[in-house]
Amino acid sequence: MITRNFSIVPCDVLKNQKMAIGVGARWFNKMVKNTKCILIIVGLIIVFNFTVWAKPKHQYVFKLIKPVDATENGFTDNFIRIGFVFLLDGVNFTLCNKSEQPIKIHWNDVSYIDAAGNSHRVMHSGIKFDERNQDMPAISIPPTSKIADLIVPSDYVYLDKGGIGAAYYGLPAKWTVTPFFPPPDKKEALEFVGRTVEVFMPIETSDGLKNYRFTFQIGLEEMGKK
């Protein structure tokens, strides 16, 4: 058998308790508002400091040293003019056909040679990630015209499923490219200074097939340095 004890208190006591509760509620709400303001300010400070801290202080530089020593990472002969821009996950290039005859890039034979000397099959713009290992048709460039394209090693591309957490929350998988090099501010980046990477690009010209091999030396410099 369960018994409950009830007590009778005067009305003025209840009134005082209500007043105390009211004052406490107002104090609590005020503290909550102040806490929110403090958290917002702290969050802004953290974001600002992280933004400043995360801004890279160094950048990679690439210098074309073969087949010719060039400061603008460009090469020219009687048939082509080509220029390169390196990213952390790809190599942009612009190729101009200087001749009066069409030229062709044989994409199945193009390769990227990394800093360890390993050769990698590549893919380029217009190729679907899930078709990166299939045959790629040669691309013809009409006389006195140019193309802009991108080189990415095929085996650097993978489908990132995000692990157990992504599966639990139903997050979709996404295609990702493994960076060529560590972030330039990491100490591991120093291991690449002075080493070389290469782009091997067979191009069919009116004078026959020419195997162009472009060698770049890796360096590091401070951001904003001229």
C-alpha atoms as a PDB file:
ATOM      1  CA  MET A   1       0.000   0.000   0.000  1.00  0.00           C
ATOM      2  CA  ILE A   2       1.442   3.360  -1.057  1.00  0.00           C
ATOM      3  CA  THR A   3       0.866   6.360   1.201  1.00  0.00           C
ATOM      4  CA  ARG A   4       1.490  10.003   0.322  1.00  0.00           C
ATOM      5  CA  ASN A   5       2.046  12.808   2.831  1.00  0.00           C
ATOM      6  CA  PHE A   6       0.502  16.186   2.034  1.00  0.00           C
ATOM      7  CA  SER A   7       1.332  19.407   3.835  1.00  0.00           C
ATOM      8  CA  ILE A   8      -0.610  22.668   3.926  1.00  0.00           C
ATOM      9  CA  VAL A   9       1.382  25.902   3.594  1.00  0.00           C
ATOM     10  CA  PRO A  10       0.182  29.505   3.866  1.00  0.00           C
ATOM     11  CA  CYS A  11      -0.657  31.412   0.684  1.00  0.00           C
ATOM     12  CA  ASP A  12       2.027  34.036   1.299  1.00  0.00           C
ATOM     13  CA  VAL A  13       4.667  31.306   1.274  1.00  0.00           C
ATOM     14  CA  LEU A  14       3.436  30.129  -2.132  1.00  0.00           C
ATOM     15  CA  LYS A  15       3.471  33.724  -3.357  1.00  0.00           C
ATOM     16  CA  ASN A  16       7.056  34.159  -2.222  1.00  0.00           C
ATOM     17  CA  GLN A  17       8.019  30.903  -3.912  1.00  0.00           C
ATOM     18  CA  LYS A  18       6.414  32.062  -7.189  1.00  0.00           C
ATOM     19  CA  MET A  19       8.305  35.345  -6.964  1.00  0.00           C
ATOM     20  CA  ALA A  20      11.548  33.490  -6.353  1.00  0.00           C
ATOM     21  CA  ILE A  21      10.842  31.194  -9.269  1.00  0.00           C
ATOM     22  CA  GLY A  22      10.089  34.164 -11.512  1.00  0.00           C
ATOM     23  CA  VAL A  23      13.315  35.927 -10.566  1.00  0.00           C
ATOM     24  CA  GLY A  24      15.265  32.708 -11.051  1.00  0.00           C
ATOM     25  CA  ALA A  25      13.735  32.138 -14.483  1.00  0.00           C
ATOM     26  CA  ARG A  26      14.605  35.660 -15.596  1.00  0.00           C
ATOM     27  CA  TRP A  27      18.162  35.240 -14.293  1.00  0.00           C
ATOM     28  CA  PHE A  28      18.462  31.879 -16.050  1.00  0.00           C
ATOM     29  CA  ASN A  29      17.200  33.285 -19.389  1.00  0.00           C
ATOM     30  CA  LYS A  30      19.630  36.177 -19.101  1.00  0.00           C
ATOM     31  CA  MET A  31      22.489  33.807 -18.450  1.00  0.00           C
ATOM     32  CA  VAL A  32      21.473  31.680 -21.439  1.00  0.00           C
ATOM     33  CA  LYS A  33      21.442  34.749 -23.699  1.00  0.00           C
ATOM     34  CA  ASN A  34      24.827  35.873 -22.374  1.00  0.00           C
ATOM     35  CA  THR A  35      26.230  32.376 -22.817  1.00  0.00           C
ATOM     36  CA  LYS A  36      25.009  32.290 -26.423  1.00  0.00           C
ATOM     37  CA  CYS A  37      26.688  35.625 -27.099  1.00  0.00           C
ATOM     38  CA  ILE A  38      29.916  34.395 -25.521  1.00  0.00           C
ATOM     39  CA  LEU A  39      29.825  31.177 -27.545  1.00  0.00           C
ATOM     40  CA  ILE A  40      29.215  33.120 -30.772  1.00  0.00           C
ATOM     41  CA  ILE A  41      32.135  35.456 -30.038  1.00  0.00           C
ATOM     42  CA  VAL A  42      34.430  32.556 -29.137  1.00  0.00           C
ATOM     43  CA  GLY A  43      33.365  30.727 -32.286  1.00  0.00           C
ATOM     44  CA  LEU A  44      34.134  33.754 -34.450  1.00  0.00           C
ATOM     45  CA  ILE A  45      37.548  34.107 -32.828  1.00  0.00           C
ATOM     46  CA  ILE A  46      38.307  30.430 -33.436  1.00  0.00           C
ATOM     47  CA  VAL A  47      37.189  30.645 -37.080  1.00  0.00           C
ATOM     48  CA  PHE A  48      39.252  33.796 -37.624  1.00  0.00           C
ATOM     49  CA  ASN A  49      42.352  32.297 -36.034  1.00  0.00           C
ATOM     50  CA  PHE A  50      41.909  29.050 -37.939  1.00  0.00           C
ATOM     51  CA  THR A  51      41.520  30.961 -41.221  1.00  0.00           C
ATOM     52  CA  VAL A  52      44.697  32.905 -40.580  1.00  0.00           C
ATOM     53  CA  TRP A  53      46.523  29.812 -39.349  1.00  0.00           C
ATOM     54  CA  ALA A  54      45.288  27.630 -42.231  1.00  0.00           C
ATOM     55  CA  LYS A  55      46.376  30.085 -44.923  1.00  0.00           C
ATOM     56  CA  PRO A  56      49.423  28.479 -46.586  1.00  0.00           C
ATOM     57  CA  LYS A  57      52.725  30.268 -46.186  1.00  0.00           C
ATOM     58  CA  HIS A  58      54.507  28.401 -48.977  1.00  0.00           C
ATOM     59  CA  GLN A  59      53.745  27.138 -52.445  1.00  0.00           C
ATOM     60  CA  TYR A  60      55.292  24.660 -54.843  1.00  0.00           C
ATOM     61  CA  VAL A  61      57.067  25.957 -57.922  1.00  0.00           C
ATOM     62  CA  PHE A  62      57.836  23.888 -61.009  1.00  0.00           C
ATOM     63  CA  LYS A  63      60.575  24.719 -63.487  1.00  0.00           C
ATOM     64  CA  LEU A  64      60.774  23.131 -66.919  1.00  0.00           C
ATOM     65  CA  ILE A  65      64.352  21.885 -67.335  1.00  0.00           C
ATOM     66  CA  LYS A  66      63.977  19.427 -70.252  1.00  0.00           C
ATOM     67  CA  PRO A  67      63.855  19.432 -73.234  1.00  0.00           C
ATOM     68  CA  VAL A  68      64.839  23.080 -72.676  1.00  0.00           C
ATOM     69  CA  ASP A  69      65.489  25.202 -69.619  1.00  0.00           C
ATOM     70  CA  ALA A  70      62.509  27.554 -69.342  1.00  0.00           C
ATOM     71  CA  THR A  71      61.176  29.850 -66.602  1.00  0.00           C
ATOM     72  CA  GLU A  72      57.606  30.044 -67.940  1.00  0.00           C
ATOM     73  CA  ASN A  73      57.082  26.265 -68.083  1.00  0.00           C
ATOM     74  CA  GLY A  74      56.591  26.437 -71.826  1.00  0.00           C
ATOM     75  CA  PHE A  75      58.141  24.766 -74.852  1.00  0.00           C
ATOM     76  CA  THR A  76      57.989  25.487 -78.556  1.00  0.00           C
ATOM     77  CA  ASP A  77      59.343  23.984 -81.769  1.00  0.00           C
ATOM     78  CA  ASN A  78      58.279  23.936 -85.421  1.00  0.00           C
ATOM     79  CA  PHE A  79      55.119  21.944 -84.666  1.00  0.00           C
ATOM     80  CA  ILE A  80      53.788  22.829 -81.206  1.00  0.00           C
ATOM     81  CA  ARG A  81      53.735  25.411 -78.475  1.00  0.00           C
ATOM     82  CA  ILE A  82      52.777  24.088 -75.054  1.00  0.00           C
ATOM     83  CA  GLY A  83      52.540  25.546 -71.560  1.00  0.00           C
ATOM     84  CA  PHE A  84      51.931  23.826 -68.211  1.00  0.00           C
ATOM     85  CA  VAL A  85      50.403  24.815 -64.859  1.00  0.00           C
ATOM     86  CA  PHE A  86      50.767  22.379 -61.957  1.00  0.00           C
ATOM     87  CA  LEU A  87      48.067  21.862 -59.352  1.00  0.00           C
ATOM     88  CA  LEU A  88      48.205  19.601 -56.299  1.00  0.00           C
ATOM     89  CA  ASP A  89      45.886  17.124 -58.036  1.00  0.00           C
ATOM     90  CA  GLY A  90      46.483  17.632 -61.751  1.00  0.00           C
ATOM     91  CA  VAL A  91      48.477  19.274 -64.526  1.00  0.00           C
ATOM     92  CA  ASN A  92      46.795  21.868 -66.719  1.00  0.00           C
ATOM     93  CA  PHE A  93      48.235  22.472 -70.160  1.00  0.00           C
ATOM     94  CA  THR A  94      47.511  24.455 -73.311  1.00  0.00           C
ATOM     95  CA  LEU A  95      48.736  22.999 -76.593  1.00  0.00           C
ATOM     96  CA  CYS A  96      48.895  24.992 -79.820  1.00  0.00           C
ATOM     97  CA  ASN A  97      49.382  23.438 -83.241  1.00  0.00           C
ATOM     98  CA  LYS A  98      51.795  25.760 -85.053  1.00  0.00           C
ATOM     99  CA  SER A  99      51.865  23.759 -88.266  1.00  0.00           C
ATOM    100  CA  GLU A 100      49.651  23.783 -91.345  1.00  0.00           C
ATOM    101  CA  GLN A 101      48.706  20.125 -90.816  1.00  0.00           C
ATOM    102  CA  PRO A 102      46.602  18.439 -88.091  1.00  0.00           C
ATOM    103  CA  ILE A 103      48.424  16.907 -85.123  1.00  0.00           C
ATOM    104  CA  LYS A 104      47.199  14.180 -82.770  1.00  0.00           C
ATOM    105  CA  ILE A 105      47.704  13.408 -79.079  1.00  0.00           C
ATOM    106  CA  HIS A 106      47.826   9.646 -78.496  1.00  0.00           C
ATOM    107  CA  TRP A 107      46.206   9.626 -75.067  1.00  0.00           C
ATOM    108  CA  ASN A 108      46.622   5.907 -74.411  1.00  0.00           C
ATOM    109  CA  ASP A 109      50.381   6.447 -74.474  1.00  0.00           C
ATOM    110  CA  VAL A 110      50.530   9.661 -72.417  1.00  0.00           C
ATOM    111  CA  SER A 111      51.946   9.150 -68.935  1.00  0.00           C
ATOM    112  CA  TYR A 112      52.897  11.016 -65.789  1.00  0.00           C
ATOM    113  CA  ILE A 113      56.186  10.098 -64.087  1.00  0.00           C
ATOM    114  CA  ASP A 114      56.134  10.940 -60.387  1.00  0.00           C
ATOM    115  CA  ALA A 115      58.978  12.110 -58.158  1.00  0.00           C
ATOM    116  CA  ALA A 116      59.875   8.487 -57.343  1.00  0.00           C
ATOM    117  CA  GLY A 117      60.250   7.627 -61.046  1.00  0.00           C
ATOM    118  CA  ASN A 118      57.006   5.642 -61.269  1.00  0.00           C
ATOM    119  CA  SER A 119      55.058   5.893 -64.522  1.00  0.00           C
ATOM    120  CA  HIS A 120      51.270   6.368 -64.383  1.00  0.00           C
ATOM    121  CA  ARG A 121      48.628   6.053 -67.068  1.00  0.00           C
ATOM    122  CA  VAL A 122      46.607   9.273 -67.221  1.00  0.00           C
ATOM    123  CA  MET A 123      43.107  10.471 -67.928  1.00  0.00           C
ATOM    124  CA  HIS A 124      42.093  13.889 -69.217  1.00  0.00           C
ATOM    125  CA  SER A 125      39.091  16.216 -69.430  1.00  0.00           C
ATOM    126  CA  GLY A 126      35.958  14.624 -70.826  1.00  0.00           C
ATOM    127  CA  ILE A 127      36.762  11.150 -69.502  1.00  0.00           C
ATOM    128  CA  LYS A 128      34.371   9.845 -66.847  1.00  0.00           C
ATOM    129  CA  PHE A 129      36.029   8.757 -63.624  1.00  0.00           C
ATOM    130  CA  ASP A 130      34.545   5.264 -63.820  1.00  0.00           C
ATOM    131  CA  GLU A 131      35.899   4.917 -67.393  1.00  0.00           C
ATOM    132  CA  ARG A 132      39.426   6.106 -66.569  1.00  0.00           C
ATOM    133  CA  ASN A 133      41.051   2.752 -67.331  1.00  0.00           C
ATOM    134  CA  GLN A 134      39.388   2.231 -70.718  1.00  0.00           C
ATOM    135  CA  ASP A 135      40.882   3.052 -74.101  1.00  0.00           C
ATOM    136  CA  MET A 136      40.970   6.746 -74.931  1.00  0.00           C
ATOM    137  CA  PRO A 137      40.757   7.907 -78.554  1.00  0.00           C
ATOM    138  CA  ALA A 138      43.448  10.145 -79.962  1.00  0.00           C
ATOM    139  CA  ILE A 139      42.535  13.823 -80.173  1.00  0.00           C
ATOM    140  CA  SER A 140      43.177  15.763 -83.357  1.00  0.00           C
ATOM    141  CA  ILE A 141      44.118  19.446 -83.234  1.00  0.00           C
ATOM    142  CA  PRO A 142      43.481  21.376 -86.474  1.00  0.00           C
ATOM    143  CA  PRO A 143      46.194  23.570 -88.002  1.00  0.00           C
ATOM    144  CA  THR A 144      47.020  26.799 -86.110  1.00  0.00           C
ATOM    145  CA  SER A 145      44.505  26.040 -83.358  1.00  0.00           C
ATOM    146  CA  LYS A 146      44.872  25.057 -79.705  1.00  0.00           C
ATOM    147  CA  ILE A 147      43.291  23.053 -76.906  1.00  0.00           C
ATOM    148  CA  ALA A 148      43.299  23.359 -73.110  1.00  0.00           C
ATOM    149  CA  ASP A 149      43.220  20.126 -71.139  1.00  0.00           C
ATOM    150  CA  LEU A 150      44.065  18.468 -67.829  1.00  0.00           C
ATOM    151  CA  ILE A 151      46.271  15.494 -66.960  1.00  0.00           C
ATOM    152  CA  VAL A 152      45.423  13.305 -63.946  1.00  0.00           C
ATOM    153  CA  PRO A 153      47.014   9.910 -63.200  1.00  0.00           C
ATOM    154  CA  SER A 154      44.275   7.294 -63.466  1.00  0.00           C
ATOM    155  CA  ASP A 155      45.367   5.400 -60.376  1.00  0.00           C
ATOM    156  CA  TYR A 156      45.206   8.585 -58.281  1.00  0.00           C
ATOM    157  CA  VAL A 157      41.412   8.609 -58.750  1.00  0.00           C
ATOM    158  CA  TYR A 158      39.234   6.572 -56.390  1.00  0.00           C
ATOM    159  CA  LEU A 159      35.669   6.406 -55.116  1.00  0.00           C
ATOM    160  CA  ASP A 160      35.639   7.677 -51.522  1.00  0.00           C
ATOM    161  CA  LYS A 161      32.801   5.993 -49.632  1.00  0.00           C
ATOM    162  CA  GLY A 162      33.501   7.929 -46.452  1.00  0.00           C
ATOM    163  CA  GLY A 163      33.858   4.961 -44.112  1.00  0.00           C
ATOM    164  CA  ILE A 164      31.379   3.672 -41.520  1.00  0.00           C
ATOM    165  CA  GLY A 165      30.120   7.143 -40.575  1.00  0.00           C
ATOM    166  CA  ALA A 166      29.103   7.993 -44.133  1.00  0.00           C
ATOM    167  CA  ALA A 167      27.272   4.686 -44.508  1.00  0.00           C
ATOM    168  CA  TYR A 168      25.459   5.214 -41.196  1.00  0.00           C
ATOM    169  CA  TYR A 169      24.242   8.689 -42.147  1.00  0.00           C
ATOM    170  CA  GLY A 170      23.529   7.719 -45.750  1.00  0.00           C
ATOM    171  CA  LEU A 171      26.091  10.100 -47.247  1.00  0.00           C
ATOM    172  CA  PRO A 172      26.820   9.475 -50.940  1.00  0.00           C
ATOM    173  CA  ALA A 173      30.225   8.305 -52.131  1.00  0.00           C
ATOM    174  CA  LYS A 174      32.271  10.809 -54.114  1.00  0.00           C
ATOM    175  CA  TRP A 175      35.124  10.620 -56.591  1.00  0.00           C
ATOM    176  CA  THR A 176      38.391  11.919 -55.172  1.00  0.00           C
ATOM    177  CA  VAL A 177      41.871  12.569 -56.564  1.00  0.00           C
ATOM    178  CA  THR A 178      44.908  11.806 -54.409  1.00  0.00           C
ATOM    179  CA  PRO A 179      47.143  14.904 -54.221  1.00  0.00           C
ATOM    180  CA  PHE A 180      50.459  14.668 -56.071  1.00  0.00           C
ATOM    181  CA  PHE A 181      52.352  16.131 -53.111  1.00  0.00           C
ATOM    182  CA  PRO A 182      51.836  16.837 -49.406  1.00  0.00           C
ATOM    183  CA  PRO A 183      50.642  20.349 -48.439  1.00  0.00           C
ATOM    184  CA  PRO A 184      53.529  22.785 -49.044  1.00  0.00           C
ATOM    185  CA  ASP A 185      53.671  23.891 -45.390  1.00  0.00           C
ATOM    186  CA  LYS A 186      54.196  20.329 -44.157  1.00  0.00           C
ATOM    187  CA  LYS A 187      57.765  19.285 -43.402  1.00  0.00           C
ATOM    188  CA  GLU A 188      57.294  16.326 -45.771  1.00  0.00           C
ATOM    189  CA  ALA A 189      57.186  18.826 -48.641  1.00  0.00           C
ATOM    190  CA  LEU A 190      60.902  19.498 -48.173  1.00  0.00           C
ATOM    191  CA  GLU A 191      61.600  15.937 -49.308  1.00  0.00           C
ATOM    192  CA  PHE A 192      60.390  16.860 -52.816  1.00  0.00           C
ATOM    193  CA  VAL A 193      62.548  19.947 -53.266  1.00  0.00           C
ATOM    194  CA  GLY A 194      65.057  19.389 -56.074  1.00  0.00           C
ATOM    195  CA  ARG A 195      63.358  16.257 -57.347  1.00  0.00           C
ATOM    196  CA  THR A 196      61.666  15.999 -60.743  1.00  0.00           C
ATOM    197  CA  VAL A 197      58.367  14.933 -62.280  1.00  0.00           C
ATOM    198  CA  GLU A 198      57.681  14.366 -65.961  1.00  0.00           C
ATOM    199  CA  VAL A 199      54.932  14.393 -68.554  1.00  0.00           C
ATOM    200  CA  PHE A 200      55.429  12.022 -71.487  1.00  0.00           C
ATOM    201  CA  MET A 201      53.247  12.987 -74.445  1.00  0.00           C
ATOM    202  CA  PRO A 202      53.505  11.278 -77.868  1.00  0.00           C
ATOM    203  CA  ILE A 203      52.194  13.603 -80.589  1.00  0.00           C
ATOM    204  CA  GLU A 204      51.716  12.645 -84.223  1.00  0.00           C
ATOM    205  CA  THR A 205      52.869  15.390 -86.593  1.00  0.00           C
ATOM    206  CA  SER A 206      53.333  15.735 -90.354  1.00  0.00           C
ATOM    207  CA  ASP A 207      56.941  14.727 -89.693  1.00  0.00           C
ATOM    208  CA  GLY A 208      55.951  11.514 -87.927  1.00  0.00           C
ATOM    209  CA  LEU A 209      55.409  10.561 -84.281  1.00  0.00           C
ATOM    210  CA  LYS A 210      57.332  12.713 -81.804  1.00  0.00           C
ATOM    211  CA  ASN A 211      57.769  11.529 -78.225  1.00  0.00           C
ATOM    212  CA  TYR A 212      57.796  14.703 -76.156  1.00  0.00           C
ATOM    213  CA  ARG A 213      59.104  14.288 -72.634  1.00  0.00           C
ATOM    214  CA  PHE A 214      58.779  17.324 -70.377  1.00  0.00           C
ATOM    215  CA  THR A 215      60.790  17.306 -67.133  1.00  0.00           C
ATOM    216  CA  PHE A 216      60.042  19.677 -64.266  1.00  0.00           C
ATOM    217  CA  GLN A 217      62.112  20.378 -61.162  1.00  0.00           C
ATOM    218  CA  ILE A 218      60.206  20.896 -57.923  1.00  0.00           C
ATOM    219  CA  GLY A 219      60.864  23.800 -55.592  1.00  0.00           C
ATOM    220  CA  LEU A 220      59.254  25.669 -52.679  1.00  0.00           C
ATOM    221  CA  GLU A 221      58.882  29.385 -52.146  1.00  0.00           C
ATOM    222  CA  GLU A 222      57.063  31.771 -49.830  1.00  0.00           C
ATOM    223  CA  MET A 223      53.583  32.836 -50.874  1.00  0.00           C
ATOM    224  CA  GLY A 224      53.518  36.189 -52.613  1.00  0.00           C
ATOM    225  CA  LYS A 225      57.187  36.076 -53.554  1.00  0.00           C
ATOM    226  CA  LYS A 226      57.836  37.570 -56.971  1.00  0.00           C
END
